Amino acid sequence: LHSSLYQLIWRNFSLRKRYTLIIPFVPIIIYLSLSIFERNELNITYLDVGQGDSSVVELPDGKTIVIDTGRTGKETASFLQYKGEQVVDSIILSHNHPDHAGGLEYMVQRFHVREIWDNGKLIYPATLIDTVKHKALQRGDLIEGKGYRMYVLHPYPEFYTMHGNEYVGANNNSLVVRIEAKHASFIFPGDIEEEAEEDIIHLDRWLKSDVIKVPHHGGKTSANNPFFDTVSPEIAVISAGRDNTFGHPHQETLNALQGVKIFRTDTDGAIHIRETDKGLKIKTWKDCQFKKATLFRDDIMNIKRLFETW
């Protein structure tokens, strides 16, 4: 009876009225379809956190990983909330410097964080470590899931930094993690400097990656040509604050990356890279902003940007 009544009512609607009823739901259907489709691919967003580092990795199996939190964690938390995330499967901290790990507590207070992974050299408040599972990673560790592998390439127990002070030592002990998906690979080398870079270049093909998050915000102490030559990336992402006092990225680093397509959070804002079977799809915060319209096609592009999502 209900089915027959529904069919009778629907037949009495004109074609125009039917479209009027359906059209408001089209954007929602498209958005949900794209969200489901993209979740089967690797999505990485390199966030603009000022002079610091934080990336959100959405893995093909639906897990969400945060690599470093920035200084406060606020930008990372805002992005995850925008994405509707309530659970973070793992937070990976490359090393103990506050521009990478300072936002951990803020994140733990706002999300259900299942695990914290680090290089084994971080000390946490008892109240925090008692509530979140902790794992120390080292070279040789492998994390696998459907459609991806995560390799830990550095540090290892025998590594000992011979040069520099405690600050440089912490940089050189940064976790180096490489994510290999179906069609592309991404490397996150924390803040390693020349000594650590020279120590790991013998890994050769294990370092090769399509995308590199440039170590130490593009500082000149990480501008090691043999390291970049070994990684041989197509794309480099530099996370640095606008007009920062350190002069990052340094010209020596930019010279070492000659021929590589460079994106920078200080000029491009957040950078989103999606792995597809047709190559890497890249968009930036800057690209998604409205542009002054002088032609009709400019208006059309602005309308398109209105519906842009990450």
C-alpha atoms as a PDB file:
ATOM      1  CA  LEU A   1       0.000   0.000   0.000  1.00  0.00           C
ATOM      2  CA  HIS A   2       2.779   2.436   0.958  1.00  0.00           C
ATOM      3  CA  SER A   3       4.715   1.570  -2.215  1.00  0.00           C
ATOM      4  CA  SER A   4       1.691   2.127  -4.437  1.00  0.00           C
ATOM      5  CA  LEU A   5       0.928   5.459  -2.765  1.00  0.00           C
ATOM      6  CA  TYR A   6       4.536   6.560  -3.247  1.00  0.00           C
ATOM      7  CA  GLN A   7       4.457   5.655  -6.952  1.00  0.00           C
ATOM      8  CA  LEU A   8       1.165   7.521  -7.428  1.00  0.00           C
ATOM      9  CA  ILE A   9       2.514  10.678  -5.784  1.00  0.00           C
ATOM     10  CA  TRP A  10       5.778  10.495  -7.739  1.00  0.00           C
ATOM     11  CA  ARG A  11       3.977  10.097 -11.104  1.00  0.00           C
ATOM     12  CA  ASN A  12       1.947  13.214 -10.381  1.00  0.00           C
ATOM     13  CA  PHE A  13       5.116  15.281 -10.070  1.00  0.00           C
ATOM     14  CA  SER A  14       6.227  16.950 -13.270  1.00  0.00           C
ATOM     15  CA  LEU A  15       9.753  16.267 -14.515  1.00  0.00           C
ATOM     16  CA  ARG A  16      10.749  19.783 -13.479  1.00  0.00           C
ATOM     17  CA  LYS A  17       9.500  19.271  -9.921  1.00  0.00           C
ATOM     18  CA  ARG A  18      11.366  15.968  -9.711  1.00  0.00           C
ATOM     19  CA  TYR A  19      14.621  17.715 -10.644  1.00  0.00           C
ATOM     20  CA  THR A  20      13.852  20.429  -8.089  1.00  0.00           C
ATOM     21  CA  LEU A  21      13.597  17.775  -5.387  1.00  0.00           C
ATOM     22  CA  ILE A  22      16.709  15.879  -6.442  1.00  0.00           C
ATOM     23  CA  ILE A  23      19.167  18.684  -7.278  1.00  0.00           C
ATOM     24  CA  PRO A  24      19.806  19.831  -3.652  1.00  0.00           C
ATOM     25  CA  PHE A  25      21.040  16.333  -2.816  1.00  0.00           C
ATOM     26  CA  VAL A  26      23.436  16.023  -5.778  1.00  0.00           C
ATOM     27  CA  PRO A  27      26.416  17.796  -4.079  1.00  0.00           C
ATOM     28  CA  ILE A  28      25.977  15.593  -1.003  1.00  0.00           C
ATOM     29  CA  ILE A  29      25.916  12.428  -3.118  1.00  0.00           C
ATOM     30  CA  ILE A  30      28.998  13.541  -5.064  1.00  0.00           C
ATOM     31  CA  TYR A  31      30.869  14.482  -1.886  1.00  0.00           C
ATOM     32  CA  LEU A  32      30.100  11.149  -0.199  1.00  0.00           C
ATOM     33  CA  SER A  33      31.071   9.223  -3.316  1.00  0.00           C
ATOM     34  CA  LEU A  34      34.395  11.061  -3.594  1.00  0.00           C
ATOM     35  CA  SER A  35      35.088  10.625   0.115  1.00  0.00           C
ATOM     36  CA  ILE A  36      34.567   6.876  -0.076  1.00  0.00           C
ATOM     37  CA  PHE A  37      36.674   6.620  -3.228  1.00  0.00           C
ATOM     38  CA  GLU A  38      39.551   8.716  -1.891  1.00  0.00           C
ATOM     39  CA  ARG A  39      39.618   6.748   1.358  1.00  0.00           C
ATOM     40  CA  ASN A  40      40.816   3.745  -0.652  1.00  0.00           C
ATOM     41  CA  GLU A  41      43.851   5.759  -1.715  1.00  0.00           C
ATOM     42  CA  LEU A  42      46.716   7.301   0.202  1.00  0.00           C
ATOM     43  CA  ASN A  43      46.090  10.955   1.089  1.00  0.00           C
ATOM     44  CA  ILE A  44      48.724  13.105   2.794  1.00  0.00           C
ATOM     45  CA  THR A  45      48.232  16.691   3.926  1.00  0.00           C
ATOM     46  CA  TYR A  46      51.330  18.652   4.893  1.00  0.00           C
ATOM     47  CA  LEU A  47      49.843  21.256   7.222  1.00  0.00           C
ATOM     48  CA  ASP A  48      50.859  24.874   7.587  1.00  0.00           C
ATOM     49  CA  VAL A  49      51.834  25.040  11.261  1.00  0.00           C
ATOM     50  CA  GLY A  50      54.259  27.943  11.010  1.00  0.00           C
ATOM     51  CA  GLN A  51      57.871  27.151  11.887  1.00  0.00           C
ATOM     52  CA  GLY A  52      57.276  23.494  12.645  1.00  0.00           C
ATOM     53  CA  ASP A  53      56.113  20.214  11.183  1.00  0.00           C
ATOM     54  CA  SER A  54      52.864  18.288  11.085  1.00  0.00           C
ATOM     55  CA  SER A  55      51.354  15.996   8.471  1.00  0.00           C
ATOM     56  CA  VAL A  56      48.125  14.018   8.436  1.00  0.00           C
ATOM     57  CA  VAL A  57      48.292  10.683   6.626  1.00  0.00           C
ATOM     58  CA  GLU A  58      45.010   9.041   5.605  1.00  0.00           C
ATOM     59  CA  LEU A  59      45.898   5.460   4.784  1.00  0.00           C
ATOM     60  CA  PRO A  60      44.101   3.281   2.219  1.00  0.00           C
ATOM     61  CA  ASP A  61      42.702   0.998   4.950  1.00  0.00           C
ATOM     62  CA  GLY A  62      40.930   3.927   6.628  1.00  0.00           C
ATOM     63  CA  LYS A  63      43.451   4.562   9.398  1.00  0.00           C
ATOM     64  CA  THR A  64      44.601   8.078  10.242  1.00  0.00           C
ATOM     65  CA  ILE A  65      48.170   8.812  11.299  1.00  0.00           C
ATOM     66  CA  VAL A  66      49.647  12.135  12.382  1.00  0.00           C
ATOM     67  CA  ILE A  67      53.375  12.632  11.794  1.00  0.00           C
ATOM     68  CA  ASP A  68      54.516  15.324  14.235  1.00  0.00           C
ATOM     69  CA  THR A  69      52.113  17.787  15.824  1.00  0.00           C
ATOM     70  CA  GLY A  70      53.672  21.202  15.323  1.00  0.00           C
ATOM     71  CA  ARG A  71      54.366  23.439  18.284  1.00  0.00           C
ATOM     72  CA  THR A  72      50.790  23.688  19.622  1.00  0.00           C
ATOM     73  CA  GLY A  73      48.764  20.953  17.939  1.00  0.00           C
ATOM     74  CA  LYS A  74      45.977  23.442  17.260  1.00  0.00           C
ATOM     75  CA  GLU A  75      46.321  23.515  13.482  1.00  0.00           C
ATOM     76  CA  THR A  76      46.468  19.726  13.318  1.00  0.00           C
ATOM     77  CA  ALA A  77      43.443  19.348  15.586  1.00  0.00           C
ATOM     78  CA  SER A  78      41.444  21.887  13.576  1.00  0.00           C
ATOM     79  CA  PHE A  79      42.161  20.030  10.342  1.00  0.00           C
ATOM     80  CA  LEU A  80      41.167  16.668  11.823  1.00  0.00           C
ATOM     81  CA  GLN A  81      37.962  18.159  13.209  1.00  0.00           C
ATOM     82  CA  TYR A  82      37.204  19.630   9.777  1.00  0.00           C
ATOM     83  CA  LYS A  83      37.632  16.110   8.371  1.00  0.00           C
ATOM     84  CA  GLY A  84      35.252  14.761  11.000  1.00  0.00           C
ATOM     85  CA  GLU A  85      37.896  12.603  12.647  1.00  0.00           C
ATOM     86  CA  GLN A  86      37.528  11.582  16.278  1.00  0.00           C
ATOM     87  CA  VAL A  87      40.136   8.832  16.347  1.00  0.00           C
ATOM     88  CA  VAL A  88      43.843   9.066  15.540  1.00  0.00           C
ATOM     89  CA  ASP A  89      45.295   5.597  15.112  1.00  0.00           C
ATOM     90  CA  SER A  90      48.838   6.746  15.742  1.00  0.00           C
ATOM     91  CA  ILE A  91      50.839   9.896  16.367  1.00  0.00           C
ATOM     92  CA  ILE A  92      54.425   9.551  15.154  1.00  0.00           C
ATOM     93  CA  LEU A  93      56.895  11.934  16.769  1.00  0.00           C
ATOM     94  CA  SER A  94      60.135  12.230  14.825  1.00  0.00           C
ATOM     95  CA  HIS A  95      62.070  13.668  17.779  1.00  0.00           C
ATOM     96  CA  ASN A  96      61.682  15.715  20.945  1.00  0.00           C
ATOM     97  CA  HIS A  97      61.922  19.308  19.706  1.00  0.00           C
ATOM     98  CA  PRO A  98      58.818  21.366  20.496  1.00  0.00           C
ATOM     99  CA  ASP A  99      58.206  22.459  16.897  1.00  0.00           C
ATOM    100  CA  HIS A 100      57.574  18.774  16.141  1.00  0.00           C
ATOM    101  CA  ALA A 101      56.262  17.332  19.400  1.00  0.00           C
ATOM    102  CA  GLY A 102      54.945  20.323  21.348  1.00  0.00           C
ATOM    103  CA  GLY A 103      51.305  19.751  20.411  1.00  0.00           C
ATOM    104  CA  LEU A 104      51.095  16.144  21.602  1.00  0.00           C
ATOM    105  CA  GLU A 105      49.241  16.799  24.852  1.00  0.00           C
ATOM    106  CA  TYR A 106      46.749  19.094  23.094  1.00  0.00           C
ATOM    107  CA  MET A 107      46.035  16.331  20.580  1.00  0.00           C
ATOM    108  CA  VAL A 108      45.639  13.609  23.196  1.00  0.00           C
ATOM    109  CA  GLN A 109      43.139  15.743  25.103  1.00  0.00           C
ATOM    110  CA  ARG A 110      40.919  16.181  22.025  1.00  0.00           C
ATOM    111  CA  PHE A 111      41.104  12.863  20.197  1.00  0.00           C
ATOM    112  CA  HIS A 112      41.103   9.198  20.992  1.00  0.00           C
ATOM    113  CA  VAL A 113      44.773   8.505  20.229  1.00  0.00           C
ATOM    114  CA  ARG A 114      45.379   4.779  20.059  1.00  0.00           C
ATOM    115  CA  GLU A 115      49.190   4.798  19.964  1.00  0.00           C
ATOM    116  CA  ILE A 116      52.225   7.075  20.134  1.00  0.00           C
ATOM    117  CA  TRP A 117      55.300   6.042  18.153  1.00  0.00           C
ATOM    118  CA  ASP A 118      58.713   7.682  18.552  1.00  0.00           C
ATOM    119  CA  ASN A 119      62.467   7.097  18.336  1.00  0.00           C
ATOM    120  CA  GLY A 120      62.737   5.852  21.921  1.00  0.00           C
ATOM    121  CA  LYS A 121      64.323   9.051  23.203  1.00  0.00           C
ATOM    122  CA  LEU A 122      61.272  11.026  24.345  1.00  0.00           C
ATOM    123  CA  ILE A 123      60.166  11.407  27.954  1.00  0.00           C
ATOM    124  CA  TYR A 124      56.439  11.856  28.639  1.00  0.00           C
ATOM    125  CA  PRO A 125      54.417  12.946  31.665  1.00  0.00           C
ATOM    126  CA  ALA A 126      53.158   9.901  33.547  1.00  0.00           C
ATOM    127  CA  THR A 127      49.566  11.089  33.179  1.00  0.00           C
ATOM    128  CA  LEU A 128      49.913  10.991  29.391  1.00  0.00           C
ATOM    129  CA  ILE A 129      51.879   7.813  28.843  1.00  0.00           C
ATOM    130  CA  ASP A 130      49.625   5.870  31.226  1.00  0.00           C
ATOM    131  CA  THR A 131      46.607   6.546  29.021  1.00  0.00           C
ATOM    132  CA  VAL A 132      48.071   5.983  25.542  1.00  0.00           C
ATOM    133  CA  LYS A 133      49.919   2.926  24.258  1.00  0.00           C
ATOM    134  CA  HIS A 134      53.550   3.738  23.404  1.00  0.00           C
ATOM    135  CA  LYS A 135      55.931   2.119  20.943  1.00  0.00           C
ATOM    136  CA  ALA A 136      59.585   2.965  20.216  1.00  0.00           C
ATOM    137  CA  LEU A 137      60.577   2.412  16.590  1.00  0.00           C
ATOM    138  CA  GLN A 138      63.973   1.693  15.077  1.00  0.00           C
ATOM    139  CA  ARG A 139      65.509   0.768  11.757  1.00  0.00           C
ATOM    140  CA  GLY A 140      64.071  -2.450  10.376  1.00  0.00           C
ATOM    141  CA  ASP A 141      60.583  -2.016  11.798  1.00  0.00           C
ATOM    142  CA  LEU A 142      57.810  -2.534   9.272  1.00  0.00           C
ATOM    143  CA  ILE A 143      54.146  -1.563   9.587  1.00  0.00           C
ATOM    144  CA  GLU A 144      51.868  -3.066   6.951  1.00  0.00           C
ATOM    145  CA  GLY A 145      48.263  -2.540   5.973  1.00  0.00           C
ATOM    146  CA  LYS A 146      46.038  -3.012   2.967  1.00  0.00           C
ATOM    147  CA  GLY A 147      47.613  -1.031   0.136  1.00  0.00           C
ATOM    148  CA  TYR A 148      50.709   0.293   1.957  1.00  0.00           C
ATOM    149  CA  ARG A 149      53.885  -0.425   3.878  1.00  0.00           C
ATOM    150  CA  MET A 150      55.699   1.847   6.325  1.00  0.00           C
ATOM    151  CA  TYR A 151      59.437   1.331   6.704  1.00  0.00           C
ATOM    152  CA  VAL A 152      61.501   2.738   9.573  1.00  0.00           C
ATOM    153  CA  LEU A 153      64.976   3.579   8.218  1.00  0.00           C
ATOM    154  CA  HIS A 154      66.544   5.509  11.091  1.00  0.00           C
ATOM    155  CA  PRO A 155      67.737   5.627  13.845  1.00  0.00           C
ATOM    156  CA  TYR A 156      69.214   2.324  15.003  1.00  0.00           C
ATOM    157  CA  PRO A 157      70.642   1.403  18.448  1.00  0.00           C
ATOM    158  CA  GLU A 158      74.291   1.645  17.345  1.00  0.00           C
ATOM    159  CA  PHE A 159      73.941   5.106  15.806  1.00  0.00           C
ATOM    160  CA  TYR A 160      75.831   7.738  17.738  1.00  0.00           C
ATOM    161  CA  THR A 161      76.153  11.312  16.557  1.00  0.00           C
ATOM    162  CA  MET A 162      79.765  12.486  16.686  1.00  0.00           C
ATOM    163  CA  HIS A 163      79.337  16.147  15.813  1.00  0.00           C
ATOM    164  CA  GLY A 164      77.428  19.087  17.206  1.00  0.00           C
ATOM    165  CA  ASN A 165      75.653  19.790  20.466  1.00  0.00           C
ATOM    166  CA  GLU A 166      72.615  18.189  22.095  1.00  0.00           C
ATOM    167  CA  TYR A 167      70.279  20.058  19.739  1.00  0.00           C
ATOM    168  CA  VAL A 168      72.033  18.717  16.638  1.00  0.00           C
ATOM    169  CA  GLY A 169      72.145  15.263  18.210  1.00  0.00           C
ATOM    170  CA  ALA A 170      68.375  15.243  18.661  1.00  0.00           C
ATOM    171  CA  ASN A 171      67.948  16.268  15.010  1.00  0.00           C
ATOM    172  CA  ASN A 172      70.216  13.479  13.796  1.00  0.00           C
ATOM    173  CA  ASN A 173      68.300  10.928  15.866  1.00  0.00           C
ATOM    174  CA  SER A 174      65.025  11.835  14.150  1.00  0.00           C
ATOM    175  CA  LEU A 175      62.862   9.002  12.929  1.00  0.00           C
ATOM    176  CA  VAL A 176      63.050   8.511   9.185  1.00  0.00           C
ATOM    177  CA  VAL A 177      59.864   6.865   7.952  1.00  0.00           C
ATOM    178  CA  ARG A 178      59.097   5.893   4.379  1.00  0.00           C
ATOM    179  CA  ILE A 179      55.530   5.103   3.280  1.00  0.00           C
ATOM    180  CA  GLU A 180      55.185   2.970   0.189  1.00  0.00           C
ATOM    181  CA  ALA A 181      51.734   2.745  -1.374  1.00  0.00           C
ATOM    182  CA  LYS A 182      50.536   1.087  -4.595  1.00  0.00           C
ATOM    183  CA  HIS A 183      51.801   3.713  -7.000  1.00  0.00           C
ATOM    184  CA  ALA A 184      54.025   6.115  -5.052  1.00  0.00           C
ATOM    185  CA  SER A 185      56.306   6.473  -2.046  1.00  0.00           C
ATOM    186  CA  PHE A 186      56.776   9.240   0.516  1.00  0.00           C
ATOM    187  CA  ILE A 187      59.645   9.826   2.923  1.00  0.00           C
ATOM    188  CA  PHE A 188      59.518  11.756   6.213  1.00  0.00           C
ATOM    189  CA  PRO A 189      63.062  12.372   7.540  1.00  0.00           C
ATOM    190  CA  GLY A 190      62.278  14.623  10.509  1.00  0.00           C
ATOM    191  CA  ASP A 191      65.125  17.078  11.118  1.00  0.00           C
ATOM    192  CA  ILE A 192      68.106  14.881  10.232  1.00  0.00           C
ATOM    193  CA  GLU A 193      71.212  16.815   9.320  1.00  0.00           C
ATOM    194  CA  GLU A 194      74.266  16.006   7.229  1.00  0.00           C
ATOM    195  CA  GLU A 195      75.754  13.426   9.603  1.00  0.00           C
ATOM    196  CA  ALA A 196      72.625  11.265   9.697  1.00  0.00           C
ATOM    197  CA  GLU A 197      72.005  11.793   5.979  1.00  0.00           C
ATOM    198  CA  GLU A 198      75.499  10.493   5.190  1.00  0.00           C
ATOM    199  CA  ASP A 199      74.956   7.591   7.575  1.00  0.00           C
ATOM    200  CA  ILE A 200      71.876   6.298   5.751  1.00  0.00           C
ATOM    201  CA  ILE A 201      72.593   6.924   2.058  1.00  0.00           C
ATOM    202  CA  HIS A 202      73.999   3.385   1.764  1.00  0.00           C
ATOM    203  CA  LEU A 203      70.380   2.200   2.085  1.00  0.00           C
ATOM    204  CA  ASP A 204      70.100   3.371  -1.523  1.00  0.00           C
ATOM    205  CA  ARG A 205      66.849   2.043  -3.052  1.00  0.00           C
ATOM    206  CA  TRP A 206      65.120   1.958   0.329  1.00  0.00           C
ATOM    207  CA  LEU A 207      65.431   5.753   0.424  1.00  0.00           C
ATOM    208  CA  LYS A 208      64.154   6.377  -3.098  1.00  0.00           C
ATOM    209  CA  SER A 209      60.817   8.179  -2.893  1.00  0.00           C
ATOM    210  CA  ASP A 210      58.523  10.134  -5.160  1.00  0.00           C
ATOM    211  CA  VAL A 211      57.892  12.760  -2.468  1.00  0.00           C
ATOM    212  CA  ILE A 212      60.190  14.008   0.280  1.00  0.00           C
ATOM    213  CA  LYS A 213      59.309  16.160   3.234  1.00  0.00           C
ATOM    214  CA  VAL A 214      62.536  18.156   3.226  1.00  0.00           C
ATOM    215  CA  PRO A 215      64.431  17.665   6.507  1.00  0.00           C
ATOM    216  CA  HIS A 216      64.872  20.472   9.022  1.00  0.00           C
ATOM    217  CA  HIS A 217      62.545  22.920   7.247  1.00  0.00           C
ATOM    218  CA  GLY A 218      65.019  23.341   4.398  1.00  0.00           C
ATOM    219  CA  GLY A 219      67.894  24.456   6.634  1.00  0.00           C
ATOM    220  CA  LYS A 220      71.389  24.533   5.160  1.00  0.00           C
ATOM    221  CA  THR A 221      72.686  21.924   7.650  1.00  0.00           C
ATOM    222  CA  SER A 222      70.494  19.400   5.829  1.00  0.00           C
ATOM    223  CA  ALA A 223      71.404  20.511   2.290  1.00  0.00           C
ATOM    224  CA  ASN A 224      73.256  17.307   1.487  1.00  0.00           C
ATOM    225  CA  ASN A 225      73.384  16.689  -2.269  1.00  0.00           C
ATOM    226  CA  PRO A 226      74.221  12.944  -2.063  1.00  0.00           C
ATOM    227  CA  PHE A 227      71.201  12.402   0.198  1.00  0.00           C
ATOM    228  CA  PHE A 228      68.789  14.186  -2.142  1.00  0.00           C
ATOM    229  CA  ASP A 229      70.365  12.413  -5.123  1.00  0.00           C
ATOM    230  CA  THR A 230      69.773   9.057  -3.445  1.00  0.00           C
ATOM    231  CA  VAL A 231      66.148   9.842  -2.581  1.00  0.00           C
ATOM    232  CA  SER A 232      65.712  11.297  -6.115  1.00  0.00           C
ATOM    233  CA  PRO A 233      62.257  12.756  -5.470  1.00  0.00           C
ATOM    234  CA  GLU A 234      59.940  14.281  -8.046  1.00  0.00           C
ATOM    235  CA  ILE A 235      58.281  16.485  -5.429  1.00  0.00           C
ATOM    236  CA  ALA A 236      59.686  18.175  -2.323  1.00  0.00           C
ATOM    237  CA  VAL A 237      57.605  19.696   0.463  1.00  0.00           C
ATOM    238  CA  ILE A 238      59.194  22.259   2.771  1.00  0.00           C
ATOM    239  CA  SER A 239      57.441  23.102   6.033  1.00  0.00           C
ATOM    240  CA  ALA A 240      58.559  26.516   7.268  1.00  0.00           C
ATOM    241  CA  GLY A 241      57.073  29.602   8.874  1.00  0.00           C
ATOM    242  CA  ARG A 242      56.511  32.795   6.927  1.00  0.00           C
ATOM    243  CA  ASP A 243      59.403  35.238   7.325  1.00  0.00           C
ATOM    244  CA  ASN A 244      61.006  32.959   9.909  1.00  0.00           C
ATOM    245  CA  THR A 245      64.155  34.217  11.648  1.00  0.00           C
ATOM    246  CA  PHE A 246      66.169  31.114  10.646  1.00  0.00           C
ATOM    247  CA  GLY A 247      66.132  31.947   6.955  1.00  0.00           C
ATOM    248  CA  HIS A 248      64.446  28.654   6.077  1.00  0.00           C
ATOM    249  CA  PRO A 249      64.458  27.359   3.448  1.00  0.00           C
ATOM    250  CA  HIS A 250      68.102  28.133   2.771  1.00  0.00           C
ATOM    251  CA  GLN A 251      69.285  28.770  -0.774  1.00  0.00           C
ATOM    252  CA  GLU A 252      71.765  25.872  -0.513  1.00  0.00           C
ATOM    253  CA  THR A 253      68.882  23.486   0.076  1.00  0.00           C
ATOM    254  CA  LEU A 254      66.884  24.932  -2.808  1.00  0.00           C
ATOM    255  CA  ASN A 255      69.962  24.525  -5.020  1.00  0.00           C
ATOM    256  CA  ALA A 256      70.329  20.896  -3.934  1.00  0.00           C
ATOM    257  CA  LEU A 257      66.709  20.330  -5.000  1.00  0.00           C
ATOM    258  CA  GLN A 258      67.221  21.810  -8.451  1.00  0.00           C
ATOM    259  CA  GLY A 259      64.953  20.061 -10.953  1.00  0.00           C
ATOM    260  CA  VAL A 260      62.525  18.937  -8.233  1.00  0.00           C
ATOM    261  CA  LYS A 261      59.038  20.456  -7.999  1.00  0.00           C
ATOM    262  CA  ILE A 262      58.996  22.317  -4.678  1.00  0.00           C
ATOM    263  CA  PHE A 263      56.006  23.210  -2.518  1.00  0.00           C
ATOM    264  CA  ARG A 264      56.345  25.355   0.595  1.00  0.00           C
ATOM    265  CA  THR A 265      53.904  25.866   3.445  1.00  0.00           C
ATOM    266  CA  ASP A 266      55.145  29.432   3.952  1.00  0.00           C
ATOM    267  CA  THR A 267      54.070  30.402   0.421  1.00  0.00           C
ATOM    268  CA  ASP A 268      51.543  27.729  -0.635  1.00  0.00           C
ATOM    269  CA  GLY A 269      49.850  27.027   2.689  1.00  0.00           C
ATOM    270  CA  ALA A 270      48.830  23.425   3.356  1.00  0.00           C
ATOM    271  CA  ILE A 271      49.723  20.938   0.627  1.00  0.00           C
ATOM    272  CA  HIS A 272      47.547  17.913  -0.119  1.00  0.00           C
ATOM    273  CA  ILE A 273      48.891  14.999  -2.180  1.00  0.00           C
ATOM    274  CA  ARG A 274      46.692  12.090  -3.219  1.00  0.00           C
ATOM    275  CA  GLU A 275      48.046   8.924  -4.744  1.00  0.00           C
ATOM    276  CA  THR A 276      46.042   7.596  -7.710  1.00  0.00           C
ATOM    277  CA  ASP A 277      46.638   5.033 -10.434  1.00  0.00           C
ATOM    278  CA  LYS A 278      47.016   7.991 -12.807  1.00  0.00           C
ATOM    279  CA  GLY A 279      49.730   9.682 -10.781  1.00  0.00           C
ATOM    280  CA  LEU A 280      49.888  12.109  -7.872  1.00  0.00           C
ATOM    281  CA  LYS A 281      47.154  14.716  -7.534  1.00  0.00           C
ATOM    282  CA  ILE A 282      48.324  17.868  -5.764  1.00  0.00           C
ATOM    283  CA  LYS A 283      46.422  20.855  -4.475  1.00  0.00           C
ATOM    284  CA  THR A 284      47.375  23.628  -2.114  1.00  0.00           C
ATOM    285  CA  TRP A 285      45.520  26.001   0.156  1.00  0.00           C
ATOM    286  CA  LYS A 286      46.655  28.827  -2.091  1.00  0.00           C
ATOM    287  CA  ASP A 287      45.090  27.174  -5.149  1.00  0.00           C
ATOM    288  CA  CYS A 288      41.756  26.816  -3.346  1.00  0.00           C
ATOM    289  CA  GLN A 289      41.391  30.512  -2.532  1.00  0.00           C
ATOM    290  CA  PHE A 290      39.024  32.751  -4.497  1.00  0.00           C
ATOM    291  CA  LYS A 291      40.683  34.718  -7.275  1.00  0.00           C
ATOM    292  CA  LYS A 292      39.673  38.123  -8.569  1.00  0.00           C
ATOM    293  CA  ALA A 293      37.342  37.500 -11.506  1.00  0.00           C
ATOM    294  CA  THR A 294      37.833  39.453 -14.723  1.00  0.00           C
ATOM    295  CA  LEU A 295      36.337  36.854 -17.080  1.00  0.00           C
ATOM    296  CA  PHE A 296      33.302  34.597 -16.889  1.00  0.00           C
ATOM    297  CA  ARG A 297      35.532  31.541 -16.651  1.00  0.00           C
ATOM    298  CA  ASP A 298      37.114  33.078 -13.545  1.00  0.00           C
ATOM    299  CA  ASP A 299      33.666  33.127 -11.931  1.00  0.00           C
ATOM    300  CA  ILE A 300      33.189  29.476 -12.888  1.00  0.00           C
ATOM    301  CA  MET A 301      36.521  28.563 -11.293  1.00  0.00           C
ATOM    302  CA  ASN A 302      35.570  30.432  -8.119  1.00  0.00           C
ATOM    303  CA  ILE A 303      32.311  28.476  -7.965  1.00  0.00           C
ATOM    304  CA  LYS A 304      34.343  25.276  -8.336  1.00  0.00           C
ATOM    305  CA  ARG A 305      36.630  26.387  -5.498  1.00  0.00           C
ATOM    306  CA  LEU A 306      33.552  26.867  -3.326  1.00  0.00           C
ATOM    307  CA  PHE A 307      33.050  23.104  -3.390  1.00  0.00           C
ATOM    308  CA  GLU A 308      36.721  22.161  -3.052  1.00  0.00           C
ATOM    309  CA  THR A 309      37.358  19.742  -0.206  1.00  0.00           C
ATOM    310  CA  TRP A 310      40.448  18.132   1.275  1.00  0.00           C
END
